[in-house]
Amino acid sequence: MLISSYDCLTVLVDPSRAGLDDATLKMIRRHDNIVYVSCNPVTIMENLKVLTETHVIDKLEFFDQFPYTRHTETVALLLKE
């Protein structure tokens, strides 16, 4: 069964440090809600520039899951305008 046959309103993405590629960004923009988890603040910002053309950031949270390191997690909830 193809994923397009489901009536999914929300998509959850947790990409590698490289962020999402253009094809994936295009695909997820079709969904009403996007939950984006990222371990790289630079690539999430780049991807959010694209995603906020069709969605608004409803919530943005930062998590320090690895104390005493430079690494943090960012979670964004985006809602379709």
PDB file of N, CA and C in Angstrom:
ATOM      1  N   MET A   1       0.844  -1.171   0.000  1.00  0.00           N
ATOM      2  CA  MET A   1       0.000   0.000   0.000  1.00  0.00           C
ATOM      3  C   MET A   1       0.897   1.245   0.000  1.00  0.00           C
ATOM      4  N   LEU A   2       0.568   2.215  -0.815  1.00  0.00           N
ATOM      5  CA  LEU A   2       1.334   3.449  -0.901  1.00  0.00           C
ATOM      6  C   LEU A   2       0.991   4.378   0.249  1.00  0.00           C
ATOM      7  N   ILE A   3       1.981   5.133   0.723  1.00  0.00           N
ATOM      8  CA  ILE A   3       1.741   6.072   1.820  1.00  0.00           C
ATOM      9  C   ILE A   3       0.717   7.136   1.419  1.00  0.00           C
ATOM     10  N   SER A   4       0.649   7.463   0.134  1.00  0.00           N
ATOM     11  CA  SER A   4      -0.306   8.468  -0.331  1.00  0.00           C
ATOM     12  C   SER A   4      -1.747   8.001  -0.189  1.00  0.00           C
ATOM     13  N   SER A   5      -1.950   6.700   0.004  1.00  0.00           N
ATOM     14  CA  SER A   5      -3.308   6.193   0.156  1.00  0.00           C
ATOM     15  C   SER A   5      -3.843   6.399   1.571  1.00  0.00           C
ATOM     16  N   TYR A   6      -2.980   6.754   2.512  1.00  0.00           N
ATOM     17  CA  TYR A   6      -3.410   7.040   3.877  1.00  0.00           C
ATOM     18  C   TYR A   6      -3.797   8.509   3.992  1.00  0.00           C
ATOM     19  N   ASP A   7      -4.712   8.799   4.886  1.00  0.00           N
ATOM     20  CA  ASP A   7      -5.129  10.176   5.126  1.00  0.00           C
ATOM     21  C   ASP A   7      -4.381  10.708   6.353  1.00  0.00           C
ATOM     22  N   CYS A   8      -3.084  10.873   6.220  1.00  0.00           N
ATOM     23  CA  CYS A   8      -2.235  11.328   7.325  1.00  0.00           C
ATOM     24  C   CYS A   8      -2.246  12.853   7.396  1.00  0.00           C
ATOM     25  N   LEU A   9      -2.558  13.371   8.560  1.00  0.00           N
ATOM     26  CA  LEU A   9      -2.556  14.816   8.758  1.00  0.00           C
ATOM     27  C   LEU A   9      -1.238  15.308   9.348  1.00  0.00           C
ATOM     28  N   THR A  10      -0.544  14.405  10.033  1.00  0.00           N
ATOM     29  CA  THR A  10       0.686  14.778  10.731  1.00  0.00           C
ATOM     30  C   THR A  10       1.831  13.902  10.262  1.00  0.00           C
ATOM     31  N   VAL A  11       2.990  14.521  10.094  1.00  0.00           N
ATOM     32  CA  VAL A  11       4.199  13.783   9.747  1.00  0.00           C
ATOM     33  C   VAL A  11       5.267  14.131  10.785  1.00  0.00           C
ATOM     34  N   LEU A  12       6.040  13.124  11.175  1.00  0.00           N
ATOM     35  CA  LEU A  12       7.146  13.287  12.109  1.00  0.00           C
ATOM     36  C   LEU A  12       8.440  13.027  11.357  1.00  0.00           C
ATOM     37  N   VAL A  13       9.370  13.981  11.420  1.00  0.00           N
ATOM     38  CA  VAL A  13      10.670  13.800  10.770  1.00  0.00           C
ATOM     39  C   VAL A  13      11.772  13.998  11.801  1.00  0.00           C
ATOM     40  N   ASP A  14      12.790  13.193  11.701  1.00  0.00           N
ATOM     41  CA  ASP A  14      13.966  13.260  12.567  1.00  0.00           C
ATOM     42  C   ASP A  14      15.179  12.946  11.701  1.00  0.00           C
ATOM     43  N   PRO A  15      15.575  13.913  10.861  1.00  0.00           N
ATOM     44  CA  PRO A  15      16.640  13.651   9.890  1.00  0.00           C
ATOM     45  C   PRO A  15      18.024  13.580  10.527  1.00  0.00           C
ATOM     46  N   SER A  16      18.970  13.149   9.729  1.00  0.00           N
ATOM     47  CA  SER A  16      20.375  13.157  10.142  1.00  0.00           C
ATOM     48  C   SER A  16      20.827  14.607  10.296  1.00  0.00           C
ATOM     49  N   ARG A  17      22.052  14.802  10.718  1.00  0.00           N
ATOM     50  CA  ARG A  17      22.581  16.165  10.919  1.00  0.00           C
ATOM     51  C   ARG A  17      22.549  16.992   9.628  1.00  0.00           C
ATOM     52  N   ALA A  18      22.489  16.343   8.486  1.00  0.00           N
ATOM     53  CA  ALA A  18      22.456  17.052   7.200  1.00  0.00           C
ATOM     54  C   ALA A  18      21.106  17.708   6.933  1.00  0.00           C
ATOM     55  N   GLY A  19      20.070  17.382   7.711  1.00  0.00           N
ATOM     56  CA  GLY A  19      18.749  17.965   7.484  1.00  0.00           C
ATOM     57  C   GLY A  19      18.005  17.243   6.377  1.00  0.00           C
ATOM     58  N   LEU A  20      16.878  17.820   5.987  1.00  0.00           N
ATOM     59  CA  LEU A  20      16.029  17.219   4.959  1.00  0.00           C
ATOM     60  C   LEU A  20      16.444  17.674   3.569  1.00  0.00           C
ATOM     61  N   ASP A  21      16.367  16.772   2.606  1.00  0.00           N
ATOM     62  CA  ASP A  21      16.666  17.131   1.217  1.00  0.00           C
ATOM     63  C   ASP A  21      15.444  17.811   0.596  1.00  0.00           C
ATOM     64  N   ASP A  22      15.616  18.375  -0.566  1.00  0.00           N
ATOM     65  CA  ASP A  22      14.549  19.134  -1.231  1.00  0.00           C
ATOM     66  C   ASP A  22      13.311  18.291  -1.514  1.00  0.00           C
ATOM     67  N   ALA A  23      13.496  17.061  -1.935  1.00  0.00           N
ATOM     68  CA  ALA A  23      12.354  16.195  -2.257  1.00  0.00           C
ATOM     69  C   ALA A  23      11.529  15.899  -1.003  1.00  0.00           C
ATOM     70  N   THR A  24      12.197  15.656   0.097  1.00  0.00           N
ATOM     71  CA  THR A  24      11.485  15.379   1.349  1.00  0.00           C
ATOM     72  C   THR A  24      10.777  16.621   1.851  1.00  0.00           C
ATOM     73  N   LEU A  25      11.424  17.771   1.768  1.00  0.00           N
ATOM     74  CA  LEU A  25      10.775  19.025   2.164  1.00  0.00           C
ATOM     75  C   LEU A  25       9.498  19.252   1.360  1.00  0.00           C
ATOM     76  N   LYS A  26       9.581  18.988   0.067  1.00  0.00           N
ATOM     77  CA  LYS A  26       8.408  19.164  -0.797  1.00  0.00           C
ATOM     78  C   LYS A  26       7.287  18.207  -0.390  1.00  0.00           C
ATOM     79  N   MET A  27       7.635  16.969  -0.085  1.00  0.00           N
ATOM     80  CA  MET A  27       6.639  15.965   0.271  1.00  0.00           C
ATOM     81  C   MET A  27       5.962  16.289   1.606  1.00  0.00           C
ATOM     82  N   ILE A  28       6.729  16.667   2.620  1.00  0.00           N
ATOM     83  CA  ILE A  28       6.118  16.874   3.932  1.00  0.00           C
ATOM     84  C   ILE A  28       5.277  18.141   4.000  1.00  0.00           C
ATOM     85  N   ARG A  29       5.520  19.076   3.105  1.00  0.00           N
ATOM     86  CA  ARG A  29       4.722  20.316   3.098  1.00  0.00           C
ATOM     87  C   ARG A  29       3.256  20.051   2.765  1.00  0.00           C
ATOM     88  N   ARG A  30       2.930  18.884   2.229  1.00  0.00           N
ATOM     89  CA  ARG A  30       1.538  18.537   1.923  1.00  0.00           C
ATOM     90  C   ARG A  30       0.736  18.234   3.182  1.00  0.00           C
ATOM     91  N   HIS A  31       1.410  17.922   4.277  1.00  0.00           N
ATOM     92  CA  HIS A  31       0.732  17.550   5.518  1.00  0.00           C
ATOM     93  C   HIS A  31       0.330  18.790   6.317  1.00  0.00           C
ATOM     94  N   ASP A  32      -0.766  18.660   7.068  1.00  0.00           N
ATOM     95  CA  ASP A  32      -1.251  19.786   7.873  1.00  0.00           C
ATOM     96  C   ASP A  32      -0.321  20.110   9.032  1.00  0.00           C
ATOM     97  N   ASN A  33       0.231  19.086   9.645  1.00  0.00           N
ATOM     98  CA  ASN A  33       1.069  19.253  10.830  1.00  0.00           C
ATOM     99  C   ASN A  33       2.408  18.560  10.607  1.00  0.00           C
ATOM    100  N   ILE A  34       3.467  19.231  11.031  1.00  0.00           N
ATOM    101  CA  ILE A  34       4.808  18.663  10.923  1.00  0.00           C
ATOM    102  C   ILE A  34       5.463  18.743  12.293  1.00  0.00           C
ATOM    103  N   VAL A  35       5.958  17.610  12.770  1.00  0.00           N
ATOM    104  CA  VAL A  35       6.775  17.575  13.972  1.00  0.00           C
ATOM    105  C   VAL A  35       8.195  17.303  13.493  1.00  0.00           C
ATOM    106  N   TYR A  36       9.080  18.256  13.727  1.00  0.00           N
ATOM    107  CA  TYR A  36      10.448  18.176  13.220  1.00  0.00           C
ATOM    108  C   TYR A  36      11.397  18.102  14.418  1.00  0.00           C
ATOM    109  N   VAL A  37      12.147  17.007  14.509  1.00  0.00           N
ATOM    110  CA  VAL A  37      13.140  16.811  15.560  1.00  0.00           C
ATOM    111  C   VAL A  37      14.511  16.920  14.905  1.00  0.00           C
ATOM    112  N   SER A  38      15.392  17.713  15.512  1.00  0.00           N
ATOM    113  CA  SER A  38      16.696  17.918  14.881  1.00  0.00           C
ATOM    114  C   SER A  38      17.812  17.957  15.916  1.00  0.00           C
ATOM    115  N   CYS A  39      18.957  17.416  15.531  1.00  0.00           N
ATOM    116  CA  CYS A  39      20.154  17.492  16.364  1.00  0.00           C
ATOM    117  C   CYS A  39      21.138  18.535  15.828  1.00  0.00           C
ATOM    118  N   ASN A  40      20.721  19.279  14.811  1.00  0.00           N
ATOM    119  CA  ASN A  40      21.605  20.279  14.214  1.00  0.00           C
ATOM    120  C   ASN A  40      20.852  21.598  14.066  1.00  0.00           C
ATOM    121  N   PRO A  41      21.178  22.601  14.895  1.00  0.00           N
ATOM    122  CA  PRO A  41      20.458  23.877  14.828  1.00  0.00           C
ATOM    123  C   PRO A  41      20.634  24.604  13.492  1.00  0.00           C
ATOM    124  N   VAL A  42      21.719  24.379  12.807  1.00  0.00           N
ATOM    125  CA  VAL A  42      21.954  25.046  11.525  1.00  0.00           C
ATOM    126  C   VAL A  42      21.016  24.498  10.456  1.00  0.00           C
ATOM    127  N   THR A  43      20.927  23.170  10.338  1.00  0.00           N
ATOM    128  CA  THR A  43      20.097  22.605   9.271  1.00  0.00           C
ATOM    129  C   THR A  43      18.608  22.747   9.561  1.00  0.00           C
ATOM    130  N   ILE A  44      18.196  22.730  10.836  1.00  0.00           N
ATOM    131  CA  ILE A  44      16.769  22.934  11.094  1.00  0.00           C
ATOM    132  C   ILE A  44      16.376  24.356  10.708  1.00  0.00           C
ATOM    133  N   MET A  45      17.258  25.310  10.943  1.00  0.00           N
ATOM    134  CA  MET A  45      16.945  26.695  10.546  1.00  0.00           C
ATOM    135  C   MET A  45      16.823  26.809   9.028  1.00  0.00           C
ATOM    136  N   GLU A  46      17.702  26.160   8.296  1.00  0.00           N
ATOM    137  CA  GLU A  46      17.622  26.173   6.829  1.00  0.00           C
ATOM    138  C   GLU A  46      16.320  25.532   6.361  1.00  0.00           C
ATOM    139  N   ASN A  47      15.963  24.397   6.938  1.00  0.00           N
ATOM    140  CA  ASN A  47      14.731  23.713   6.553  1.00  0.00           C
ATOM    141  C   ASN A  47      13.499  24.499   6.974  1.00  0.00           C
ATOM    142  N   LEU A  48      13.543  25.169   8.130  1.00  0.00           N
ATOM    143  CA  LEU A  48      12.393  25.961   8.575  1.00  0.00           C
ATOM    144  C   LEU A  48      12.132  27.156   7.660  1.00  0.00           C
ATOM    145  N   LYS A  49      13.166  27.700   7.042  1.00  0.00           N
ATOM    146  CA  LYS A  49      12.964  28.788   6.076  1.00  0.00           C
ATOM    147  C   LYS A  49      12.052  28.324   4.938  1.00  0.00           C
ATOM    148  N   VAL A  50      12.223  27.091   4.505  1.00  0.00           N
ATOM    149  CA  VAL A  50      11.397  26.528   3.433  1.00  0.00           C
ATOM    150  C   VAL A  50      10.010  26.171   3.965  1.00  0.00           C
ATOM    151  N   LEU A  51       9.969  25.499   5.104  1.00  0.00           N
ATOM    152  CA  LEU A  51       8.694  25.022   5.644  1.00  0.00           C
ATOM    153  C   LEU A  51       7.773  26.146   6.076  1.00  0.00           C
ATOM    154  N   THR A  52       8.332  27.276   6.493  1.00  0.00           N
ATOM    155  CA  THR A  52       7.476  28.394   6.921  1.00  0.00           C
ATOM    156  C   THR A  52       6.890  29.177   5.743  1.00  0.00           C
ATOM    157  N   GLU A  53       7.164  28.746   4.526  1.00  0.00           N
ATOM    158  CA  GLU A  53       6.470  29.318   3.374  1.00  0.00           C
ATOM    159  C   GLU A  53       5.023  28.821   3.328  1.00  0.00           C
ATOM    160  N   THR A  54       4.777  27.636   3.916  1.00  0.00           N
ATOM    161  CA  THR A  54       3.435  27.046   3.907  1.00  0.00           C
ATOM    162  C   THR A  54       2.890  26.784   5.308  1.00  0.00           C
ATOM    163  N   HIS A  55       3.746  26.816   6.307  1.00  0.00           N
ATOM    164  CA  HIS A  55       3.364  26.493   7.677  1.00  0.00           C
ATOM    165  C   HIS A  55       3.845  27.595   8.628  1.00  0.00           C
ATOM    166  N   VAL A  56       3.232  27.632   9.818  1.00  0.00           N
ATOM    167  CA  VAL A  56       3.702  28.532  10.873  1.00  0.00           C
ATOM    168  C   VAL A  56       4.267  27.677  12.005  1.00  0.00           C
ATOM    169  N   ILE A  57       5.260  28.210  12.690  1.00  0.00           N
ATOM    170  CA  ILE A  57       5.828  27.507  13.835  1.00  0.00           C
ATOM    171  C   ILE A  57       4.906  27.751  15.025  1.00  0.00           C
ATOM    172  N   ASP A  58       4.297  26.681  15.512  1.00  0.00           N
ATOM    173  CA  ASP A  58       3.400  26.781  16.659  1.00  0.00           C
ATOM    174  C   ASP A  58       4.169  26.665  17.961  1.00  0.00           C
ATOM    175  N   LYS A  59       5.103  25.749  18.007  1.00  0.00           N
ATOM    176  CA  LYS A  59       5.918  25.542  19.211  1.00  0.00           C
ATOM    177  C   LYS A  59       7.331  25.207  18.798  1.00  0.00           C
ATOM    178  N   LEU A  60       8.274  25.653  19.622  1.00  0.00           N
ATOM    179  CA  LEU A  60       9.686  25.376  19.391  1.00  0.00           C
ATOM    180  C   LEU A  60      10.308  25.103  20.753  1.00  0.00           C
ATOM    181  N   GLU A  61      10.894  23.936  20.916  1.00  0.00           N
ATOM    182  CA  GLU A  61      11.471  23.530  22.199  1.00  0.00           C
ATOM    183  C   GLU A  61      12.914  23.090  21.991  1.00  0.00           C
ATOM    184  N   PHE A  62      13.729  23.334  23.006  1.00  0.00           N
ATOM    185  CA  PHE A  62      15.124  22.929  22.978  1.00  0.00           C
ATOM    186  C   PHE A  62      15.380  21.975  24.140  1.00  0.00           C
ATOM    187  N   PHE A  63      16.101  20.896  23.883  1.00  0.00           N
ATOM    188  CA  PHE A  63      16.374  19.891  24.900  1.00  0.00           C
ATOM    189  C   PHE A  63      17.868  19.634  24.974  1.00  0.00           C
ATOM    190  N   ASP A  64      18.391  19.644  26.195  1.00  0.00           N
ATOM    191  CA  ASP A  64      19.791  19.327  26.431  1.00  0.00           C
ATOM    192  C   ASP A  64      19.854  17.887  26.923  1.00  0.00           C
ATOM    193  N   GLN A  65      19.843  16.949  25.994  1.00  0.00           N
ATOM    194  CA  GLN A  65      19.838  15.537  26.353  1.00  0.00           C
ATOM    195  C   GLN A  65      21.233  15.002  26.648  1.00  0.00           C
ATOM    196  N   PHE A  66      22.225  15.786  26.316  1.00  0.00           N
ATOM    197  CA  PHE A  66      23.601  15.344  26.482  1.00  0.00           C
ATOM    198  C   PHE A  66      24.372  16.404  27.269  1.00  0.00           C
ATOM    199  N   PRO A  67      24.151  16.466  28.595  1.00  0.00           N
ATOM    200  CA  PRO A  67      24.804  17.489  29.414  1.00  0.00           C
ATOM    201  C   PRO A  67      26.322  17.484  29.252  1.00  0.00           C
ATOM    202  N   TYR A  68      26.875  18.656  29.361  1.00  0.00           N
ATOM    203  CA  TYR A  68      28.330  18.856  29.285  1.00  0.00           C
ATOM    204  C   TYR A  68      28.889  18.587  27.897  1.00  0.00           C
ATOM    205  N   THR A  69      28.021  18.638  26.875  1.00  0.00           N
ATOM    206  CA  THR A  69      28.477  18.553  25.484  1.00  0.00           C
ATOM    207  C   THR A  69      27.863  19.725  24.727  1.00  0.00           C
ATOM    208  N   ARG A  70      28.272  19.917  23.503  1.00  0.00           N
ATOM    209  CA  ARG A  70      27.719  20.980  22.658  1.00  0.00           C
ATOM    210  C   ARG A  70      26.409  20.573  22.001  1.00  0.00           C
ATOM    211  N   HIS A  71      25.988  19.342  22.166  1.00  0.00           N
ATOM    212  CA  HIS A  71      24.857  18.803  21.432  1.00  0.00           C
ATOM    213  C   HIS A  71      23.529  19.083  22.131  1.00  0.00           C
ATOM    214  N   THR A  72      22.557  19.555  21.333  1.00  0.00           N
ATOM    215  CA  THR A  72      21.205  19.775  21.825  1.00  0.00           C
ATOM    216  C   THR A  72      20.228  19.219  20.786  1.00  0.00           C
ATOM    217  N   GLU A  73      19.010  19.035  21.216  1.00  0.00           N
ATOM    218  CA  GLU A  73      17.929  18.614  20.316  1.00  0.00           C
ATOM    219  C   GLU A  73      16.934  19.759  20.216  1.00  0.00           C
ATOM    220  N   THR A  74      16.406  19.975  19.043  1.00  0.00           N
ATOM    221  CA  THR A  74      15.379  20.978  18.821  1.00  0.00           C
ATOM    222  C   THR A  74      14.154  20.260  18.273  1.00  0.00           C
ATOM    223  N   VAL A  75      12.988  20.620  18.808  1.00  0.00           N
ATOM    224  CA  VAL A  75      11.730  20.051  18.317  1.00  0.00           C
ATOM    225  C   VAL A  75      10.819  21.203  17.943  1.00  0.00           C
ATOM    226  N   ALA A  76      10.304  21.164  16.724  1.00  0.00           N
ATOM    227  CA  ALA A  76       9.402  22.213  16.225  1.00  0.00           C
ATOM    228  C   ALA A  76       8.084  21.572  15.803  1.00  0.00           C
ATOM    229  N   LEU A  77       6.991  22.247  16.165  1.00  0.00           N
ATOM    230  CA  LEU A  77       5.665  21.858  15.684  1.00  0.00           C
ATOM    231  C   LEU A  77       5.210  22.926  14.710  1.00  0.00           C
ATOM    232  N   LEU A  78       4.965  22.519  13.478  1.00  0.00           N
ATOM    233  CA  LEU A  78       4.527  23.441  12.443  1.00  0.00           C
ATOM    234  C   LEU A  78       3.097  23.107  12.021  1.00  0.00           C
ATOM    235  N   LEU A  79       2.288  24.134  11.836  1.00  0.00           N
ATOM    236  CA  LEU A  79       0.906  23.967  11.430  1.00  0.00           C
ATOM    237  C   LEU A  79       0.686  24.664  10.099  1.00  0.00           C
ATOM    238  N   LYS A  80      -0.051  24.010   9.217  1.00  0.00           N
ATOM    239  CA  LYS A  80      -0.328  24.595   7.896  1.00  0.00           C
ATOM    240  C   LYS A  80      -1.146  25.864   8.054  1.00  0.00           C
ATOM    241  N   GLU A  81      -0.765  26.894   7.306  1.00  0.00           N
ATOM    242  CA  GLU A  81      -1.485  28.182   7.361  1.00  0.00           C
ATOM    243  C   GLU A  81      -2.835  28.051   6.715  1.00  0.00           C
TER     244      GLU A  81
END
